[in-house]
């Protein structure tokens, strides 16, 4: 048996969903153009070219929710959200010079 708060939350969620659906129906009937999802401003693009295999990959960094956060896409597909520190470590490890000591 559901508690009072679970029932109340379910009712509220259903009501809010009905409101969103009605707003979307109204928008479609008015002829307003379709909105696209905002993914953040494109900040940086890093291109990786492996000369041995000939593969090229593009890492696009879009501004995230926090100041030091980026939403990364690899070849146009969402990859993960990472901080500026994690990004620096990733690039530093990827391009570590191969020097024999």
C-alpha atoms as a PDB file:
ATOM      1  CA  UNK A   1       0.000   0.000   0.000  1.00  0.00           C
ATOM      2  CA  UNK A   2       1.305   3.405  -0.931  1.00  0.00           C
ATOM      3  CA  UNK A   3       1.776   6.036   1.710  1.00  0.00           C
ATOM      4  CA  UNK A   4       0.069   9.410   1.624  1.00  0.00           C
ATOM      5  CA  UNK A   5       3.192  11.123   0.276  1.00  0.00           C
ATOM      6  CA  UNK A   6       3.671   8.568  -2.494  1.00  0.00           C
ATOM      7  CA  UNK A   7       0.062   9.046  -3.632  1.00  0.00           C
ATOM      8  CA  UNK A   8       0.384  12.835  -3.433  1.00  0.00           C
ATOM      9  CA  UNK A   9       3.604  12.774  -5.452  1.00  0.00           C
ATOM     10  CA  UNK A  10       2.074  10.493  -8.107  1.00  0.00           C
ATOM     11  CA  UNK A  11      -0.955  12.805  -8.443  1.00  0.00           C
ATOM     12  CA  UNK A  12       1.239  15.893  -8.704  1.00  0.00           C
ATOM     13  CA  UNK A  13       3.485  14.285 -11.312  1.00  0.00           C
ATOM     14  CA  UNK A  14       0.447  13.236 -13.373  1.00  0.00           C
ATOM     15  CA  UNK A  15      -1.022  16.755 -13.151  1.00  0.00           C
ATOM     16  CA  UNK A  16       2.245  18.381 -14.228  1.00  0.00           C
ATOM     17  CA  UNK A  17       2.543  15.946 -17.158  1.00  0.00           C
ATOM     18  CA  UNK A  18      -0.998  16.880 -18.266  1.00  0.00           C
ATOM     19  CA  UNK A  19       0.002  20.559 -18.130  1.00  0.00           C
ATOM     20  CA  UNK A  20       3.134  19.928 -20.208  1.00  0.00           C
ATOM     21  CA  UNK A  21       1.148  17.925 -22.758  1.00  0.00           C
ATOM     22  CA  UNK A  22      -1.489  20.679 -23.025  1.00  0.00           C
ATOM     23  CA  UNK A  23       1.207  23.341 -23.491  1.00  0.00           C
ATOM     24  CA  UNK A  24       2.865  21.221 -26.210  1.00  0.00           C
ATOM     25  CA  UNK A  25      -0.496  20.668 -27.973  1.00  0.00           C
ATOM     26  CA  UNK A  26      -1.168  24.412 -27.858  1.00  0.00           C
ATOM     27  CA  UNK A  27       2.291  25.150 -29.275  1.00  0.00           C
ATOM     28  CA  UNK A  28       1.822  22.669 -32.137  1.00  0.00           C
ATOM     29  CA  UNK A  29      -1.614  24.071 -33.001  1.00  0.00           C
ATOM     30  CA  UNK A  30      -0.301  27.642 -33.095  1.00  0.00           C
ATOM     31  CA  UNK A  31       2.278  26.767 -35.769  1.00  0.00           C
ATOM     32  CA  UNK A  32       5.296  27.803 -33.693  1.00  0.00           C
ATOM     33  CA  UNK A  33       8.533  26.340 -35.096  1.00  0.00           C
ATOM     34  CA  UNK A  34       9.892  23.191 -33.486  1.00  0.00           C
ATOM     35  CA  UNK A  35      12.405  23.847 -30.732  1.00  0.00           C
ATOM     36  CA  UNK A  36      15.711  22.045 -30.716  1.00  0.00           C
ATOM     37  CA  UNK A  37      17.516  20.927 -27.604  1.00  0.00           C
ATOM     38  CA  UNK A  38      20.147  23.407 -26.475  1.00  0.00           C
ATOM     39  CA  UNK A  39      23.378  21.523 -25.911  1.00  0.00           C
ATOM     40  CA  UNK A  40      25.521  24.404 -24.778  1.00  0.00           C
ATOM     41  CA  UNK A  41      27.861  26.737 -26.581  1.00  0.00           C
ATOM     42  CA  UNK A  42      30.655  25.035 -28.510  1.00  0.00           C
ATOM     43  CA  UNK A  43      33.844  26.079 -26.722  1.00  0.00           C
ATOM     44  CA  UNK A  44      36.669  23.971 -28.138  1.00  0.00           C
ATOM     45  CA  UNK A  45      37.318  21.274 -30.723  1.00  0.00           C
ATOM     46  CA  UNK A  46      40.271  18.923 -30.488  1.00  0.00           C
ATOM     47  CA  UNK A  47      41.119  16.753 -33.488  1.00  0.00           C
ATOM     48  CA  UNK A  48      43.069  13.521 -33.006  1.00  0.00           C
ATOM     49  CA  UNK A  49      44.812  12.071 -36.059  1.00  0.00           C
ATOM     50  CA  UNK A  50      46.458   8.665 -35.719  1.00  0.00           C
ATOM     51  CA  UNK A  51      48.992   8.612 -38.505  1.00  0.00           C
ATOM     52  CA  UNK A  52      49.641   4.869 -38.150  1.00  0.00           C
ATOM     53  CA  UNK A  53      46.044   3.822 -38.795  1.00  0.00           C
ATOM     54  CA  UNK A  54      44.823   6.962 -40.570  1.00  0.00           C
ATOM     55  CA  UNK A  55      41.917   7.411 -38.144  1.00  0.00           C
ATOM     56  CA  UNK A  56      40.704  10.893 -37.258  1.00  0.00           C
ATOM     57  CA  UNK A  57      38.489  11.712 -34.291  1.00  0.00           C
ATOM     58  CA  UNK A  58      37.051  15.039 -33.191  1.00  0.00           C
ATOM     59  CA  UNK A  59      36.442  15.873 -29.547  1.00  0.00           C
ATOM     60  CA  UNK A  60      33.922  18.737 -29.266  1.00  0.00           C
ATOM     61  CA  UNK A  61      33.642  20.442 -25.895  1.00  0.00           C
ATOM     62  CA  UNK A  62      30.435  22.284 -25.082  1.00  0.00           C
ATOM     63  CA  UNK A  63      29.935  24.477 -22.022  1.00  0.00           C
ATOM     64  CA  UNK A  64      28.375  22.479 -19.168  1.00  0.00           C
ATOM     65  CA  UNK A  65      26.217  23.543 -16.252  1.00  0.00           C
ATOM     66  CA  UNK A  66      29.133  24.505 -14.021  1.00  0.00           C
ATOM     67  CA  UNK A  67      31.881  26.987 -14.772  1.00  0.00           C
ATOM     68  CA  UNK A  68      34.648  24.396 -15.115  1.00  0.00           C
ATOM     69  CA  UNK A  69      32.561  21.660 -16.744  1.00  0.00           C
ATOM     70  CA  UNK A  70      32.344  20.487 -20.353  1.00  0.00           C
ATOM     71  CA  UNK A  71      29.949  18.139 -22.140  1.00  0.00           C
ATOM     72  CA  UNK A  72      32.171  16.169 -24.493  1.00  0.00           C
ATOM     73  CA  UNK A  73      31.134  14.694 -27.828  1.00  0.00           C
ATOM     74  CA  UNK A  74      33.321  12.347 -29.834  1.00  0.00           C
ATOM     75  CA  UNK A  75      32.630  12.357 -33.578  1.00  0.00           C
ATOM     76  CA  UNK A  76      29.241  13.996 -32.966  1.00  0.00           C
ATOM     77  CA  UNK A  77      28.053  11.420 -30.406  1.00  0.00           C
ATOM     78  CA  UNK A  78      27.637  12.405 -26.737  1.00  0.00           C
ATOM     79  CA  UNK A  79      30.452  10.927 -24.678  1.00  0.00           C
ATOM     80  CA  UNK A  80      30.503  12.195 -21.083  1.00  0.00           C
ATOM     81  CA  UNK A  81      30.597  15.274 -18.879  1.00  0.00           C
ATOM     82  CA  UNK A  82      34.006  16.092 -17.455  1.00  0.00           C
ATOM     83  CA  UNK A  83      35.668  18.911 -15.586  1.00  0.00           C
ATOM     84  CA  UNK A  84      38.498  21.042 -16.921  1.00  0.00           C
ATOM     85  CA  UNK A  85      40.931  19.194 -14.618  1.00  0.00           C
ATOM     86  CA  UNK A  86      39.836  15.787 -15.926  1.00  0.00           C
ATOM     87  CA  UNK A  87      40.125  17.062 -19.486  1.00  0.00           C
ATOM     88  CA  UNK A  88      43.667  18.303 -18.869  1.00  0.00           C
ATOM     89  CA  UNK A  89      44.685  14.936 -17.410  1.00  0.00           C
ATOM     90  CA  UNK A  90      43.084  13.076 -20.324  1.00  0.00           C
ATOM     91  CA  UNK A  91      44.928  15.133 -22.948  1.00  0.00           C
ATOM     92  CA  UNK A  92      48.209  15.039 -20.983  1.00  0.00           C
ATOM     93  CA  UNK A  93      48.074  11.232 -20.698  1.00  0.00           C
ATOM     94  CA  UNK A  94      47.076  10.818 -24.343  1.00  0.00           C
ATOM     95  CA  UNK A  95      49.961  12.905 -25.636  1.00  0.00           C
ATOM     96  CA  UNK A  96      52.659  11.801 -23.221  1.00  0.00           C
ATOM     97  CA  UNK A  97      55.982  11.934 -25.074  1.00  0.00           C
ATOM     98  CA  UNK A  98      57.459   8.536 -25.830  1.00  0.00           C
ATOM     99  CA  UNK A  99      61.017   9.086 -24.626  1.00  0.00           C
ATOM    100  CA  UNK A 100      63.364   6.288 -23.654  1.00  0.00           C
ATOM    101  CA  UNK A 101      65.316   6.982 -20.509  1.00  0.00           C
END
